[in-house]
Amino acid sequence: DEFRALGFPGADEAGNMFQYYADCEQRFTSARDLDAVRELNP
């Protein structure tokens, strides 16, 4: 809420994005297996 209240253009969008990264951290990071992505791009 404090971040969204900073008031720069897109603050509410960015605040929601970072809250999603934090509140859904395990789900988001688990989808990005760092070993698997390096099989595509070492």
PDB file of all heavy atoms in Angstrom:
ATOM      1  N   ASP A   1       0.829  -1.205   0.000  1.00  0.00           N
ATOM      2  CA  ASP A   1       0.000   0.000   0.000  1.00  0.00           C
ATOM      3  C   ASP A   1       0.865   1.257   0.000  1.00  0.00           C
ATOM      4  O   ASP A   1       0.547   2.240  -0.690  1.00  0.00           O
ATOM      5  CB  ASP A   1      -0.932   0.015   1.213  1.00  0.00           C
ATOM      6  CG  ASP A   1      -2.113  -0.933   1.068  1.00  0.00           C
ATOM      7  OD1 ASP A   1      -2.438  -1.306  -0.079  1.00  0.00           O
ATOM      8  OD2 ASP A   1      -2.707  -1.299   2.100  1.00  0.00           O
ATOM      9  N   GLU A   2       1.944   1.247   0.761  1.00  0.00           N
ATOM     10  CA  GLU A   2       2.849   2.405   0.775  1.00  0.00           C
ATOM     11  C   GLU A   2       3.482   2.613  -0.592  1.00  0.00           C
ATOM     12  O   GLU A   2       3.640   3.748  -1.051  1.00  0.00           O
ATOM     13  CB  GLU A   2       3.939   2.206   1.836  1.00  0.00           C
ATOM     14  CG  GLU A   2       3.446   2.309   3.265  1.00  0.00           C
ATOM     15  CD  GLU A   2       4.487   1.899   4.287  1.00  0.00           C
ATOM     16  OE1 GLU A   2       5.353   1.038   3.948  1.00  0.00           O
ATOM     17  OE2 GLU A   2       4.450   2.406   5.417  1.00  0.00           O
ATOM     18  N   PHE A   3       3.849   1.533  -1.239  1.00  0.00           N
ATOM     19  CA  PHE A   3       4.470   1.653  -2.561  1.00  0.00           C
ATOM     20  C   PHE A   3       3.465   2.197  -3.576  1.00  0.00           C
ATOM     21  O   PHE A   3       3.789   3.098  -4.360  1.00  0.00           O
ATOM     22  CB  PHE A   3       5.007   0.291  -3.014  1.00  0.00           C
ATOM     23  CG  PHE A   3       5.892   0.360  -4.228  1.00  0.00           C
ATOM     24  CD1 PHE A   3       7.252   0.512  -4.102  1.00  0.00           C
ATOM     25  CD2 PHE A   3       5.353   0.274  -5.507  1.00  0.00           C
ATOM     26  CE1 PHE A   3       8.083   0.573  -5.224  1.00  0.00           C
ATOM     27  CE2 PHE A   3       6.154   0.335  -6.633  1.00  0.00           C
ATOM     28  CZ  PHE A   3       7.525   0.481  -6.488  1.00  0.00           C
ATOM     29  N   ARG A   4       2.236   1.673  -3.566  1.00  0.00           N
ATOM     30  CA  ARG A   4       1.213   2.152  -4.495  1.00  0.00           C
ATOM     31  C   ARG A   4       0.920   3.639  -4.278  1.00  0.00           C
ATOM     32  O   ARG A   4       0.567   4.364  -5.219  1.00  0.00           O
ATOM     33  CB  ARG A   4      -0.062   1.327  -4.347  1.00  0.00           C
ATOM     34  CG  ARG A   4       0.022  -0.062  -4.959  1.00  0.00           C
ATOM     35  CD  ARG A   4      -1.309  -0.787  -4.914  1.00  0.00           C
ATOM     36  NE  ARG A   4      -1.596  -1.332  -3.608  1.00  0.00           N
ATOM     37  CZ  ARG A   4      -1.341  -2.591  -3.228  1.00  0.00           C
ATOM     38  NH1 ARG A   4      -0.761  -3.440  -4.068  1.00  0.00           N
ATOM     39  NH2 ARG A   4      -1.660  -3.011  -2.018  1.00  0.00           N
ATOM     40  N   ALA A   5       1.098   4.101  -3.029  1.00  0.00           N
ATOM     41  CA  ALA A   5       0.807   5.493  -2.706  1.00  0.00           C
ATOM     42  C   ALA A   5       1.924   6.454  -3.111  1.00  0.00           C
ATOM     43  O   ALA A   5       1.760   7.673  -2.956  1.00  0.00           O
ATOM     44  CB  ALA A   5       0.540   5.630  -1.204  1.00  0.00           C
ATOM     45  N   LEU A   6       3.031   5.940  -3.649  1.00  0.00           N
ATOM     46  CA  LEU A   6       4.120   6.823  -4.069  1.00  0.00           C
ATOM     47  C   LEU A   6       3.689   7.754  -5.195  1.00  0.00           C
ATOM     48  O   LEU A   6       4.274   8.824  -5.388  1.00  0.00           O
ATOM     49  CB  LEU A   6       5.342   5.998  -4.487  1.00  0.00           C
ATOM     50  CG  LEU A   6       6.062   5.241  -3.367  1.00  0.00           C
ATOM     51  CD1 LEU A   6       7.169   4.357  -3.942  1.00  0.00           C
ATOM     52  CD2 LEU A   6       6.618   6.201  -2.325  1.00  0.00           C
ATOM     53  N   GLY A   7       2.720   7.326  -5.999  1.00  0.00           N
ATOM     54  CA  GLY A   7       2.069   8.238  -6.913  1.00  0.00           C
ATOM     55  C   GLY A   7       2.732   8.471  -8.251  1.00  0.00           C
ATOM     56  O   GLY A   7       2.224   9.253  -9.058  1.00  0.00           O
ATOM     57  N   PHE A   8       3.834   7.795  -8.542  1.00  0.00           N
ATOM     58  CA  PHE A   8       4.427   7.957  -9.871  1.00  0.00           C
ATOM     59  C   PHE A   8       3.547   7.250 -10.896  1.00  0.00           C
ATOM     60  O   PHE A   8       2.740   6.376 -10.545  1.00  0.00           O
ATOM     61  CB  PHE A   8       5.866   7.427  -9.908  1.00  0.00           C
ATOM     62  CG  PHE A   8       6.012   5.960  -9.585  1.00  0.00           C
ATOM     63  CD1 PHE A   8       5.869   4.990 -10.571  1.00  0.00           C
ATOM     64  CD2 PHE A   8       6.321   5.547  -8.289  1.00  0.00           C
ATOM     65  CE1 PHE A   8       6.004   3.647 -10.283  1.00  0.00           C
ATOM     66  CE2 PHE A   8       6.466   4.195  -7.984  1.00  0.00           C
ATOM     67  CZ  PHE A   8       6.302   3.255  -8.982  1.00  0.00           C
ATOM     68  N   PRO A   9       3.651   7.609 -12.187  1.00  0.00           N
ATOM     69  CA  PRO A   9       2.801   6.950 -13.189  1.00  0.00           C
ATOM     70  C   PRO A   9       3.007   5.433 -13.183  1.00  0.00           C
ATOM     71  O   PRO A   9       4.132   4.944 -13.303  1.00  0.00           O
ATOM     72  CB  PRO A   9       3.284   7.567 -14.514  1.00  0.00           C
ATOM     73  CG  PRO A   9       3.846   8.890 -14.123  1.00  0.00           C
ATOM     74  CD  PRO A   9       4.472   8.680 -12.768  1.00  0.00           C
ATOM     75  N   GLY A  10       1.930   4.694 -12.978  1.00  0.00           N
ATOM     76  CA  GLY A  10       2.015   3.237 -12.930  1.00  0.00           C
ATOM     77  C   GLY A  10       2.362   2.687 -11.561  1.00  0.00           C
ATOM     78  O   GLY A  10       2.652   1.488 -11.430  1.00  0.00           O
ATOM     79  N   ALA A  11       2.310   3.521 -10.501  1.00  0.00           N
ATOM     80  CA  ALA A  11       2.672   3.039  -9.164  1.00  0.00           C
ATOM     81  C   ALA A  11       1.744   1.930  -8.689  1.00  0.00           C
ATOM     82  O   ALA A  11       2.177   0.976  -8.030  1.00  0.00           O
ATOM     83  CB  ALA A  11       2.661   4.197  -8.167  1.00  0.00           C
ATOM     84  N   ASP A  12       0.449   2.043  -8.994  1.00  0.00           N
ATOM     85  CA  ASP A  12      -0.485   0.993  -8.571  1.00  0.00           C
ATOM     86  C   ASP A  12      -0.205  -0.312  -9.312  1.00  0.00           C
ATOM     87  O   ASP A  12      -0.202  -1.403  -8.722  1.00  0.00           O
ATOM     88  CB  ASP A  12      -1.937   1.423  -8.759  1.00  0.00           C
ATOM     89  CG  ASP A  12      -2.254   1.964 -10.147  1.00  0.00           C
ATOM     90  OD1 ASP A  12      -1.336   2.056 -10.997  1.00  0.00           O
ATOM     91  OD2 ASP A  12      -3.441   2.288 -10.396  1.00  0.00           O
ATOM     92  N   GLU A  13       0.081  -0.211 -10.606  1.00  0.00           N
ATOM     93  CA  GLU A  13       0.427  -1.393 -11.406  1.00  0.00           C
ATOM     94  C   GLU A  13       1.704  -2.053 -10.883  1.00  0.00           C
ATOM     95  O   GLU A  13       1.764  -3.261 -10.667  1.00  0.00           O
ATOM     96  CB  GLU A  13       0.624  -0.977 -12.869  1.00  0.00           C
ATOM     97  CG  GLU A  13       1.205  -2.038 -13.776  1.00  0.00           C
ATOM     98  CD  GLU A  13       0.141  -2.894 -14.418  1.00  0.00           C
ATOM     99  OE1 GLU A  13      -1.035  -2.499 -14.396  1.00  0.00           O
ATOM    100  OE2 GLU A  13       0.477  -3.964 -14.937  1.00  0.00           O
ATOM    101  N   ALA A  14       2.748  -1.233 -10.670  1.00  0.00           N
ATOM    102  CA  ALA A  14       4.021  -1.766 -10.188  1.00  0.00           C
ATOM    103  C   ALA A  14       3.880  -2.316  -8.770  1.00  0.00           C
ATOM    104  O   ALA A  14       4.456  -3.361  -8.438  1.00  0.00           O
ATOM    105  CB  ALA A  14       5.099  -0.678 -10.234  1.00  0.00           C
ATOM    106  N   GLY A  15       3.120  -1.621  -7.923  1.00  0.00           N
ATOM    107  CA  GLY A  15       2.919  -2.117  -6.564  1.00  0.00           C
ATOM    108  C   GLY A  15       2.241  -3.468  -6.550  1.00  0.00           C
ATOM    109  O   GLY A  15       2.629  -4.374  -5.785  1.00  0.00           O
ATOM    110  N   ASN A  16       1.222  -3.639  -7.391  1.00  0.00           N
ATOM    111  CA  ASN A  16       0.565  -4.941  -7.489  1.00  0.00           C
ATOM    112  C   ASN A  16       1.511  -6.005  -8.031  1.00  0.00           C
ATOM    113  O   ASN A  16       1.488  -7.164  -7.598  1.00  0.00           O
ATOM    114  CB  ASN A  16      -0.672  -4.841  -8.381  1.00  0.00           C
ATOM    115  CG  ASN A  16      -1.858  -4.208  -7.677  1.00  0.00           C
ATOM    116  OD1 ASN A  16      -1.722  -3.613  -6.607  1.00  0.00           O
ATOM    117  ND2 ASN A  16      -3.036  -4.318  -8.282  1.00  0.00           N
ATOM    118  N   MET A  17       2.334  -5.626  -9.011  1.00  0.00           N
ATOM    119  CA  MET A  17       3.283  -6.580  -9.575  1.00  0.00           C
ATOM    120  C   MET A  17       4.245  -7.088  -8.514  1.00  0.00           C
ATOM    121  O   MET A  17       4.443  -8.308  -8.356  1.00  0.00           O
ATOM    122  CB  MET A  17       4.064  -5.923 -10.715  1.00  0.00           C
ATOM    123  CG  MET A  17       5.174  -6.796 -11.289  1.00  0.00           C
ATOM    124  SD  MET A  17       6.166  -5.950 -12.563  1.00  0.00           S
ATOM    125  CE  MET A  17       7.106  -4.784 -11.545  1.00  0.00           C
ATOM    126  N   PHE A  18       4.857  -6.178  -7.761  1.00  0.00           N
ATOM    127  CA  PHE A  18       5.824  -6.606  -6.751  1.00  0.00           C
ATOM    128  C   PHE A  18       5.140  -7.376  -5.625  1.00  0.00           C
ATOM    129  O   PHE A  18       5.729  -8.318  -5.068  1.00  0.00           O
ATOM    130  CB  PHE A  18       6.591  -5.400  -6.208  1.00  0.00           C
ATOM    131  CG  PHE A  18       7.551  -4.799  -7.199  1.00  0.00           C
ATOM    132  CD1 PHE A  18       7.439  -3.476  -7.579  1.00  0.00           C
ATOM    133  CD2 PHE A  18       8.571  -5.559  -7.758  1.00  0.00           C
ATOM    134  CE1 PHE A  18       8.318  -2.917  -8.490  1.00  0.00           C
ATOM    135  CE2 PHE A  18       9.454  -5.011  -8.680  1.00  0.00           C
ATOM    136  CZ  PHE A  18       9.327  -3.684  -9.042  1.00  0.00           C
ATOM    137  N   GLN A  19       3.909  -7.012  -5.289  1.00  0.00           N
ATOM    138  CA  GLN A  19       3.180  -7.785  -4.292  1.00  0.00           C
ATOM    139  C   GLN A  19       2.927  -9.201  -4.805  1.00  0.00           C
ATOM    140  O   GLN A  19       3.034 -10.173  -4.048  1.00  0.00           O
ATOM    141  CB  GLN A  19       1.864  -7.096  -3.933  1.00  0.00           C
ATOM    142  CG  GLN A  19       1.117  -7.831  -2.819  1.00  0.00           C
ATOM    143  CD  GLN A  19      -0.146  -7.114  -2.378  1.00  0.00           C
ATOM    144  OE1 GLN A  19      -0.481  -6.030  -2.864  1.00  0.00           O
ATOM    145  NE2 GLN A  19      -0.865  -7.723  -1.444  1.00  0.00           N
ATOM    146  N   TYR A  20       2.592  -9.323  -6.073  1.00  0.00           N
ATOM    147  CA  TYR A  20       2.416 -10.658  -6.657  1.00  0.00           C
ATOM    148  C   TYR A  20       3.716 -11.453  -6.590  1.00  0.00           C
ATOM    149  O   TYR A  20       3.718 -12.628  -6.198  1.00  0.00           O
ATOM    150  CB  TYR A  20       1.946 -10.525  -8.100  1.00  0.00           C
ATOM    151  CG  TYR A  20       2.012 -11.816  -8.889  1.00  0.00           C
ATOM    152  CD1 TYR A  20       1.163 -12.879  -8.604  1.00  0.00           C
ATOM    153  CD2 TYR A  20       2.951 -11.975  -9.912  1.00  0.00           C
ATOM    154  CE1 TYR A  20       1.227 -14.067  -9.320  1.00  0.00           C
ATOM    155  CE2 TYR A  20       3.015 -13.155 -10.633  1.00  0.00           C
ATOM    156  CZ  TYR A  20       2.154 -14.201 -10.332  1.00  0.00           C
ATOM    157  OH  TYR A  20       2.235 -15.377 -11.039  1.00  0.00           O
ATOM    158  N   TYR A  21       4.843 -10.829  -6.972  1.00  0.00           N
ATOM    159  CA  TYR A  21       6.131 -11.521  -6.881  1.00  0.00           C
ATOM    160  C   TYR A  21       6.361 -12.051  -5.460  1.00  0.00           C
ATOM    161  O   TYR A  21       6.856 -13.172  -5.273  1.00  0.00           O
ATOM    162  CB  TYR A  21       7.274 -10.568  -7.220  1.00  0.00           C
ATOM    163  CG  TYR A  21       7.506 -10.257  -8.673  1.00  0.00           C
ATOM    164  CD1 TYR A  21       7.942  -8.984  -9.055  1.00  0.00           C
ATOM    165  CD2 TYR A  21       7.328 -11.200  -9.674  1.00  0.00           C
ATOM    166  CE1 TYR A  21       8.185  -8.672 -10.384  1.00  0.00           C
ATOM    167  CE2 TYR A  21       7.561 -10.898 -11.002  1.00  0.00           C
ATOM    168  CZ  TYR A  21       7.989  -9.628 -11.362  1.00  0.00           C
ATOM    169  OH  TYR A  21       8.230  -9.329 -12.677  1.00  0.00           O
ATOM    170  N   ALA A  22       6.022 -11.232  -4.461  1.00  0.00           N
ATOM    171  CA  ALA A  22       6.282 -11.607  -3.072  1.00  0.00           C
ATOM    172  C   ALA A  22       5.272 -12.628  -2.555  1.00  0.00           C
ATOM    173  O   ALA A  22       5.637 -13.678  -2.014  1.00  0.00           O
ATOM    174  CB  ALA A  22       6.276 -10.366  -2.185  1.00  0.00           C
ATOM    175  N   ASP A  23       3.980 -12.333  -2.735  1.00  0.00           N
ATOM    176  CA  ASP A  23       2.952 -13.200  -2.161  1.00  0.00           C
ATOM    177  C   ASP A  23       2.867 -14.549  -2.867  1.00  0.00           C
ATOM    178  O   ASP A  23       2.413 -15.536  -2.281  1.00  0.00           O
ATOM    179  CB  ASP A  23       1.581 -12.513  -2.222  1.00  0.00           C
ATOM    180  CG  ASP A  23       1.470 -11.336  -1.263  1.00  0.00           C
ATOM    181  OD1 ASP A  23       2.470 -11.030  -0.583  1.00  0.00           O
ATOM    182  OD2 ASP A  23       0.393 -10.715  -1.200  1.00  0.00           O
ATOM    183  N   CYS A  24       3.287 -14.602  -4.117  1.00  0.00           N
ATOM    184  CA  CYS A  24       3.244 -15.841  -4.903  1.00  0.00           C
ATOM    185  C   CYS A  24       4.653 -16.300  -5.255  1.00  0.00           C
ATOM    186  O   CYS A  24       4.874 -16.916  -6.310  1.00  0.00           O
ATOM    187  CB  CYS A  24       2.400 -15.636  -6.159  1.00  0.00           C
ATOM    188  SG  CYS A  24       0.718 -15.067  -5.814  1.00  0.00           S
ATOM    189  N   GLU A  25       5.590 -16.011  -4.360  1.00  0.00           N
ATOM    190  CA  GLU A  25       7.011 -16.257  -4.640  1.00  0.00           C
ATOM    191  C   GLU A  25       7.298 -17.705  -5.009  1.00  0.00           C
ATOM    192  O   GLU A  25       7.965 -17.979  -6.021  1.00  0.00           O
ATOM    193  CB  GLU A  25       7.863 -15.868  -3.420  1.00  0.00           C
ATOM    194  CG  GLU A  25       9.340 -16.204  -3.579  1.00  0.00           C
ATOM    195  CD  GLU A  25      10.111 -16.042  -2.277  1.00  0.00           C
ATOM    196  OE1 GLU A  25       9.492 -15.756  -1.231  1.00  0.00           O
ATOM    197  OE2 GLU A  25      11.345 -16.232  -2.311  1.00  0.00           O
ATOM    198  N   GLN A  26       6.821 -18.642  -4.220  1.00  0.00           N
ATOM    199  CA  GLN A  26       7.150 -20.039  -4.473  1.00  0.00           C
ATOM    200  C   GLN A  26       6.603 -20.501  -5.816  1.00  0.00           C
ATOM    201  O   GLN A  26       7.289 -21.177  -6.594  1.00  0.00           O
ATOM    202  CB  GLN A  26       6.600 -20.928  -3.350  1.00  0.00           C
ATOM    203  CG  GLN A  26       7.000 -22.390  -3.457  1.00  0.00           C
ATOM    204  CD  GLN A  26       8.504 -22.609  -3.472  1.00  0.00           C
ATOM    205  OE1 GLN A  26       9.254 -21.925  -2.756  1.00  0.00           O
ATOM    206  NE2 GLN A  26       8.974 -23.544  -4.296  1.00  0.00           N
ATOM    207  N   ARG A  27       5.384 -20.111  -6.105  1.00  0.00           N
ATOM    208  CA  ARG A  27       4.754 -20.491  -7.369  1.00  0.00           C
ATOM    209  C   ARG A  27       5.532 -19.902  -8.551  1.00  0.00           C
ATOM    210  O   ARG A  27       5.784 -20.585  -9.545  1.00  0.00           O
ATOM    211  CB  ARG A  27       3.317 -19.975  -7.356  1.00  0.00           C
ATOM    212  CG  ARG A  27       2.473 -20.297  -8.580  1.00  0.00           C
ATOM    213  CD  ARG A  27       1.123 -19.586  -8.478  1.00  0.00           C
ATOM    214  NE  ARG A  27       0.207 -20.004  -9.524  1.00  0.00           N
ATOM    215  CZ  ARG A  27      -0.967 -20.562  -9.322  1.00  0.00           C
ATOM    216  NH1 ARG A  27      -1.366 -20.826  -8.088  1.00  0.00           N
ATOM    217  NH2 ARG A  27      -1.744 -20.895 -10.337  1.00  0.00           N
ATOM    218  N   PHE A  28       5.910 -18.621  -8.438  1.00  0.00           N
ATOM    219  CA  PHE A  28       6.564 -17.927  -9.551  1.00  0.00           C
ATOM    220  C   PHE A  28       7.982 -18.444  -9.766  1.00  0.00           C
ATOM    221  O   PHE A  28       8.391 -18.720 -10.904  1.00  0.00           O
ATOM    222  CB  PHE A  28       6.582 -16.422  -9.268  1.00  0.00           C
ATOM    223  CG  PHE A  28       6.963 -15.586 -10.459  1.00  0.00           C
ATOM    224  CD1 PHE A  28       6.028 -15.266 -11.429  1.00  0.00           C
ATOM    225  CD2 PHE A  28       8.253 -15.108 -10.612  1.00  0.00           C
ATOM    226  CE1 PHE A  28       6.369 -14.488 -12.529  1.00  0.00           C
ATOM    227  CE2 PHE A  28       8.608 -14.327 -11.703  1.00  0.00           C
ATOM    228  CZ  PHE A  28       7.662 -14.017 -12.665  1.00  0.00           C
ATOM    229  N   THR A  29       8.746 -18.593  -8.699  1.00  0.00           N
ATOM    230  CA  THR A  29      10.131 -19.044  -8.855  1.00  0.00           C
ATOM    231  C   THR A  29      10.207 -20.516  -9.258  1.00  0.00           C
ATOM    232  O   THR A  29      11.076 -20.901 -10.047  1.00  0.00           O
ATOM    233  CB  THR A  29      10.937 -18.811  -7.564  1.00  0.00           C
ATOM    234  OG1 THR A  29      10.324 -19.503  -6.470  1.00  0.00           O
ATOM    235  CG2 THR A  29      11.026 -17.331  -7.235  1.00  0.00           C
ATOM    236  N   SER A  30       9.288 -21.323  -8.758  1.00  0.00           N
ATOM    237  CA  SER A  30       9.315 -22.746  -9.114  1.00  0.00           C
ATOM    238  C   SER A  30       9.070 -22.957 -10.600  1.00  0.00           C
ATOM    239  O   SER A  30       9.573 -23.920 -11.198  1.00  0.00           O
ATOM    240  CB  SER A  30       8.258 -23.513  -8.309  1.00  0.00           C
ATOM    241  OG  SER A  30       8.563 -23.509  -6.935  1.00  0.00           O
ATOM    242  N   ALA A  31       8.290 -22.063 -11.210  1.00  0.00           N
ATOM    243  CA  ALA A  31       8.036 -22.172 -12.651  1.00  0.00           C
ATOM    244  C   ALA A  31       9.279 -21.848 -13.469  1.00  0.00           C
ATOM    245  O   ALA A  31       9.344 -22.186 -14.658  1.00  0.00           O
ATOM    246  CB  ALA A  31       6.903 -21.225 -13.046  1.00  0.00           C
ATOM    247  N   ARG A  32      10.269 -21.211 -12.827  1.00  0.00           N
ATOM    248  CA  ARG A  32      11.491 -20.795 -13.513  1.00  0.00           C
ATOM    249  C   ARG A  32      12.662 -21.585 -12.944  1.00  0.00           C
ATOM    250  O   ARG A  32      13.439 -21.075 -12.124  1.00  0.00           O
ATOM    251  CB  ARG A  32      11.695 -19.278 -13.359  1.00  0.00           C
ATOM    252  CG  ARG A  32      10.702 -18.494 -14.192  1.00  0.00           C
ATOM    253  CD  ARG A  32      10.436 -17.096 -13.677  1.00  0.00           C
ATOM    254  NE  ARG A  32       9.564 -16.367 -14.613  1.00  0.00           N
ATOM    255  CZ  ARG A  32       8.260 -16.514 -14.671  1.00  0.00           C
ATOM    256  NH1 ARG A  32       7.644 -17.357 -13.839  1.00  0.00           N
ATOM    257  NH2 ARG A  32       7.542 -15.833 -15.549  1.00  0.00           N
ATOM    258  N   ASP A  33      12.761 -22.823 -13.379  1.00  0.00           N
ATOM    259  CA  ASP A  33      13.828 -23.725 -12.946  1.00  0.00           C
ATOM    260  C   ASP A  33      15.133 -23.256 -13.580  1.00  0.00           C
ATOM    261  O   ASP A  33      15.303 -23.330 -14.805  1.00  0.00           O
ATOM    262  CB  ASP A  33      13.480 -25.148 -13.379  1.00  0.00           C
ATOM    263  CG  ASP A  33      14.496 -26.180 -12.909  1.00  0.00           C
ATOM    264  OD1 ASP A  33      15.710 -25.948 -13.078  1.00  0.00           O
ATOM    265  OD2 ASP A  33      14.068 -27.227 -12.387  1.00  0.00           O
ATOM    266  N   LEU A  34      16.067 -22.785 -12.757  1.00  0.00           N
ATOM    267  CA  LEU A  34      17.277 -22.171 -13.293  1.00  0.00           C
ATOM    268  C   LEU A  34      18.156 -23.172 -14.033  1.00  0.00           C
ATOM    269  O   LEU A  34      18.843 -22.796 -14.995  1.00  0.00           O
ATOM    270  CB  LEU A  34      18.058 -21.501 -12.161  1.00  0.00           C
ATOM    271  CG  LEU A  34      17.293 -20.412 -11.389  1.00  0.00           C
ATOM    272  CD1 LEU A  34      18.199 -19.765 -10.351  1.00  0.00           C
ATOM    273  CD2 LEU A  34      16.723 -19.366 -12.326  1.00  0.00           C
ATOM    274  N   ASP A  35      18.150 -24.417 -13.614  1.00  0.00           N
ATOM    275  CA  ASP A  35      18.921 -25.440 -14.341  1.00  0.00           C
ATOM    276  C   ASP A  35      18.274 -25.723 -15.695  1.00  0.00           C
ATOM    277  O   ASP A  35      18.977 -25.874 -16.705  1.00  0.00           O
ATOM    278  CB  ASP A  35      19.006 -26.725 -13.518  1.00  0.00           C
ATOM    279  CG  ASP A  35      19.858 -26.575 -12.268  1.00  0.00           C
ATOM    280  OD1 ASP A  35      20.787 -25.742 -12.287  1.00  0.00           O
ATOM    281  OD2 ASP A  35      19.587 -27.266 -11.277  1.00  0.00           O
ATOM    282  N   ALA A  36      16.954 -25.790 -15.711  1.00  0.00           N
ATOM    283  CA  ALA A  36      16.261 -26.089 -16.966  1.00  0.00           C
ATOM    284  C   ALA A  36      16.453 -24.983 -17.990  1.00  0.00           C
ATOM    285  O   ALA A  36      16.666 -25.257 -19.176  1.00  0.00           O
ATOM    286  CB  ALA A  36      14.772 -26.319 -16.699  1.00  0.00           C
ATOM    287  N   VAL A  37      16.386 -23.714 -17.547  1.00  0.00           N
ATOM    288  CA  VAL A  37      16.543 -22.629 -18.527  1.00  0.00           C
ATOM    289  C   VAL A  37      17.960 -22.602 -19.087  1.00  0.00           C
ATOM    290  O   VAL A  37      18.171 -22.219 -20.248  1.00  0.00           O
ATOM    291  CB  VAL A  37      16.161 -21.253 -17.939  1.00  0.00           C
ATOM    292  CG1 VAL A  37      14.708 -21.236 -17.524  1.00  0.00           C
ATOM    293  CG2 VAL A  37      17.067 -20.824 -16.807  1.00  0.00           C
ATOM    294  N   ARG A  38      18.922 -23.060 -18.286  1.00  0.00           N
ATOM    295  CA  ARG A  38      20.302 -23.075 -18.786  1.00  0.00           C
ATOM    296  C   ARG A  38      20.559 -24.229 -19.748  1.00  0.00           C
ATOM    297  O   ARG A  38      21.575 -24.246 -20.436  1.00  0.00           O
ATOM    298  CB  ARG A  38      21.287 -23.076 -17.617  1.00  0.00           C
ATOM    299  CG  ARG A  38      21.429 -21.681 -17.011  1.00  0.00           C
ATOM    300  CD  ARG A  38      22.249 -21.614 -15.737  1.00  0.00           C
ATOM    301  NE  ARG A  38      22.490 -20.224 -15.380  1.00  0.00           N
ATOM    302  CZ  ARG A  38      21.614 -19.445 -14.728  1.00  0.00           C
ATOM    303  NH1 ARG A  38      20.441 -19.949 -14.380  1.00  0.00           N
ATOM    304  NH2 ARG A  38      21.907 -18.184 -14.463  1.00  0.00           N
ATOM    305  N   GLU A  39      19.653 -25.187 -19.805  1.00  0.00           N
ATOM    306  CA  GLU A  39      19.741 -26.193 -20.862  1.00  0.00           C
ATOM    307  C   GLU A  39      19.416 -25.576 -22.217  1.00  0.00           C
ATOM    308  O   GLU A  39      19.948 -25.992 -23.244  1.00  0.00           O
ATOM    309  CB  GLU A  39      18.787 -27.353 -20.560  1.00  0.00           C
ATOM    310  CG  GLU A  39      19.219 -28.199 -19.365  1.00  0.00           C
ATOM    311  CD  GLU A  39      18.248 -29.325 -19.088  1.00  0.00           C
ATOM    312  OE1 GLU A  39      17.323 -29.544 -19.908  1.00  0.00           O
ATOM    313  OE2 GLU A  39      18.404 -29.994 -18.049  1.00  0.00           O
ATOM    314  N   LEU A  40      18.535 -24.565 -22.219  1.00  0.00           N
ATOM    315  CA  LEU A  40      18.229 -23.847 -23.452  1.00  0.00           C
ATOM    316  C   LEU A  40      19.302 -22.811 -23.768  1.00  0.00           C
ATOM    317  O   LEU A  40      19.693 -22.646 -24.922  1.00  0.00           O
ATOM    318  CB  LEU A  40      16.876 -23.137 -23.317  1.00  0.00           C
ATOM    319  CG  LEU A  40      15.619 -23.908 -23.687  1.00  0.00           C
ATOM    320  CD1 LEU A  40      14.386 -23.083 -23.348  1.00  0.00           C
ATOM    321  CD2 LEU A  40      15.617 -24.280 -25.167  1.00  0.00           C
ATOM    322  N   ASN A  41      19.742 -22.092 -22.749  1.00  0.00           N
ATOM    323  CA  ASN A  41      20.712 -21.019 -22.924  1.00  0.00           C
ATOM    324  C   ASN A  41      21.775 -21.148 -21.834  1.00  0.00           C
ATOM    325  O   ASN A  41      21.628 -20.595 -20.744  1.00  0.00           O
ATOM    326  CB  ASN A  41      20.007 -19.662 -22.840  1.00  0.00           C
ATOM    327  CG  ASN A  41      20.975 -18.488 -22.855  1.00  0.00           C
ATOM    328  OD1 ASN A  41      22.149 -18.640 -23.191  1.00  0.00           O
ATOM    329  ND2 ASN A  41      20.495 -17.313 -22.477  1.00  0.00           N
ATOM    330  N   PRO A  42      22.869 -21.874 -22.111  1.00  0.00           N
ATOM    331  CA  PRO A  42      23.890 -22.108 -21.086  1.00  0.00           C
ATOM    332  C   PRO A  42      24.556 -20.836 -20.572  1.00  0.00           C
ATOM    333  O   PRO A  42      25.159 -20.843 -19.498  1.00  0.00           O
ATOM    334  CB  PRO A  42      24.909 -23.001 -21.805  1.00  0.00           C
ATOM    335  CG  PRO A  42      24.163 -23.610 -22.939  1.00  0.00           C
ATOM    336  CD  PRO A  42      23.172 -22.585 -23.369  1.00  0.00           C
TER     337      PRO A  42
END
